[in-house]
């Protein structure tokens, strides 16, 4: 299928075409599809989520006990917004 000039200009005006290009968009879609089926990646993501939640709980527990937690660690754990 060949695009005419009007269709090409319409595609170029789209945000996804400007930021990634059509090839990048197709590649990203294929990569997402393949990675969603990868069991090792899913296990790693689950472990990361669990570790992140454990870190948050540990920080909150330490704060309740009166321990001074640095702001950088709170931002890293997602408990405080960065400036």
C-alpha atoms as a PDB file:
ATOM      1  CA  UNK A   1       0.000   0.000   0.000  1.00  0.00           C
ATOM      2  CA  UNK A   2       1.364   3.365  -0.963  1.00  0.00           C
ATOM      3  CA  UNK A   3       0.576   6.511   1.011  1.00  0.00           C
ATOM      4  CA  UNK A   4      -0.408   9.712  -0.697  1.00  0.00           C
ATOM      5  CA  UNK A   5       0.990  13.071   0.472  1.00  0.00           C
ATOM      6  CA  UNK A   6      -2.065  13.878   2.597  1.00  0.00           C
ATOM      7  CA  UNK A   7      -1.924  10.568   4.448  1.00  0.00           C
ATOM      8  CA  UNK A   8       1.820  10.958   5.007  1.00  0.00           C
ATOM      9  CA  UNK A   9       1.360  14.448   6.479  1.00  0.00           C
ATOM     10  CA  UNK A  10      -1.420  13.104   8.711  1.00  0.00           C
ATOM     11  CA  UNK A  11       0.899  10.359  10.005  1.00  0.00           C
ATOM     12  CA  UNK A  12       3.749  12.807  10.594  1.00  0.00           C
ATOM     13  CA  UNK A  13       1.488  14.970  12.734  1.00  0.00           C
ATOM     14  CA  UNK A  14       0.825  12.104  15.162  1.00  0.00           C
ATOM     15  CA  UNK A  15       2.835  12.181  18.395  1.00  0.00           C
ATOM     16  CA  UNK A  16       3.936   8.538  18.232  1.00  0.00           C
ATOM     17  CA  UNK A  17       5.328   9.018  14.741  1.00  0.00           C
ATOM     18  CA  UNK A  18       7.355  12.052  15.755  1.00  0.00           C
ATOM     19  CA  UNK A  19       8.834  10.602  18.931  1.00  0.00           C
ATOM     20  CA  UNK A  20       9.667   7.044  17.870  1.00  0.00           C
ATOM     21  CA  UNK A  21       8.951   6.650  14.221  1.00  0.00           C
ATOM     22  CA  UNK A  22       6.827   3.897  12.795  1.00  0.00           C
ATOM     23  CA  UNK A  23       9.637   1.292  12.938  1.00  0.00           C
ATOM     24  CA  UNK A  24      10.239   1.975  16.631  1.00  0.00           C
ATOM     25  CA  UNK A  25       6.533   1.643  17.306  1.00  0.00           C
ATOM     26  CA  UNK A  26       6.342  -1.763  15.602  1.00  0.00           C
ATOM     27  CA  UNK A  27       9.500  -2.943  17.381  1.00  0.00           C
ATOM     28  CA  UNK A  28       8.136  -1.841  20.762  1.00  0.00           C
ATOM     29  CA  UNK A  29       4.889  -3.702  20.165  1.00  0.00           C
ATOM     30  CA  UNK A  30       6.676  -6.931  19.188  1.00  0.00           C
ATOM     31  CA  UNK A  31       9.073  -6.649  22.133  1.00  0.00           C
ATOM     32  CA  UNK A  32       6.198  -6.137  24.562  1.00  0.00           C
ATOM     33  CA  UNK A  33       4.369  -9.166  23.199  1.00  0.00           C
ATOM     34  CA  UNK A  34       7.414 -11.427  23.530  1.00  0.00           C
ATOM     35  CA  UNK A  35       8.463 -10.163  26.958  1.00  0.00           C
ATOM     36  CA  UNK A  36       4.959 -10.619  28.364  1.00  0.00           C
ATOM     37  CA  UNK A  37       5.324 -14.375  27.706  1.00  0.00           C
ATOM     38  CA  UNK A  38       8.813 -14.666  29.268  1.00  0.00           C
ATOM     39  CA  UNK A  39       8.463 -16.541  32.574  1.00  0.00           C
ATOM     40  CA  UNK A  40      11.905 -15.525  33.899  1.00  0.00           C
ATOM     41  CA  UNK A  41      11.152 -11.846  33.345  1.00  0.00           C
ATOM     42  CA  UNK A  42       7.790 -12.183  35.087  1.00  0.00           C
ATOM     43  CA  UNK A  43       9.449 -13.821  38.102  1.00  0.00           C
ATOM     44  CA  UNK A  44      12.072 -11.057  38.236  1.00  0.00           C
ATOM     45  CA  UNK A  45       9.398  -8.349  38.097  1.00  0.00           C
ATOM     46  CA  UNK A  46       7.421 -10.057  40.865  1.00  0.00           C
ATOM     47  CA  UNK A  47      10.543 -10.258  43.051  1.00  0.00           C
ATOM     48  CA  UNK A  48      11.276  -6.584  42.404  1.00  0.00           C
ATOM     49  CA  UNK A  49       7.726  -5.585  43.364  1.00  0.00           C
ATOM     50  CA  UNK A  50       7.919  -7.621  46.565  1.00  0.00           C
ATOM     51  CA  UNK A  51      11.308  -6.123  47.468  1.00  0.00           C
ATOM     52  CA  UNK A  52       9.973  -2.632  46.854  1.00  0.00           C
ATOM     53  CA  UNK A  53       7.002  -3.240  49.131  1.00  0.00           C
ATOM     54  CA  UNK A  54       9.284  -4.726  51.809  1.00  0.00           C
ATOM     55  CA  UNK A  55      11.497  -1.626  51.631  1.00  0.00           C
ATOM     56  CA  UNK A  56       8.499   0.669  52.064  1.00  0.00           C
ATOM     57  CA  UNK A  57       7.247  -1.328  55.039  1.00  0.00           C
ATOM     58  CA  UNK A  58      10.700  -1.320  56.649  1.00  0.00           C
ATOM     59  CA  UNK A  59      11.054   2.445  56.231  1.00  0.00           C
ATOM     60  CA  UNK A  60       7.593   3.120  57.622  1.00  0.00           C
ATOM     61  CA  UNK A  61       8.277   0.836  60.572  1.00  0.00           C
ATOM     62  CA  UNK A  62      11.576   2.587  61.275  1.00  0.00           C
ATOM     63  CA  UNK A  63       9.868   5.989  61.119  1.00  0.00           C
ATOM     64  CA  UNK A  64       7.283   4.831  63.664  1.00  0.00           C
ATOM     65  CA  UNK A  65      10.144   3.792  65.942  1.00  0.00           C
ATOM     66  CA  UNK A  66      11.576   7.316  65.680  1.00  0.00           C
ATOM     67  CA  UNK A  67      14.474   6.663  63.312  1.00  0.00           C
ATOM     68  CA  UNK A  68      15.382   9.644  61.102  1.00  0.00           C
ATOM     69  CA  UNK A  69      15.230   8.541  57.464  1.00  0.00           C
ATOM     70  CA  UNK A  70      17.086  10.636  54.837  1.00  0.00           C
ATOM     71  CA  UNK A  71      14.879  12.339  52.254  1.00  0.00           C
ATOM     72  CA  UNK A  72      16.775  10.671  49.401  1.00  0.00           C
ATOM     73  CA  UNK A  73      15.799   7.235  50.675  1.00  0.00           C
ATOM     74  CA  UNK A  74      12.166   8.299  51.048  1.00  0.00           C
ATOM     75  CA  UNK A  75      12.142   9.532  47.440  1.00  0.00           C
ATOM     76  CA  UNK A  76      13.815   6.310  46.263  1.00  0.00           C
ATOM     77  CA  UNK A  77      11.189   4.214  48.044  1.00  0.00           C
ATOM     78  CA  UNK A  78       8.370   6.316  46.595  1.00  0.00           C
ATOM     79  CA  UNK A  79       7.218   7.607  49.966  1.00  0.00           C
ATOM     80  CA  UNK A  80       8.012  11.246  49.165  1.00  0.00           C
ATOM     81  CA  UNK A  81       7.935  13.278  45.964  1.00  0.00           C
ATOM     82  CA  UNK A  82      11.174  14.591  44.524  1.00  0.00           C
ATOM     83  CA  UNK A  83      11.636  18.325  44.488  1.00  0.00           C
END
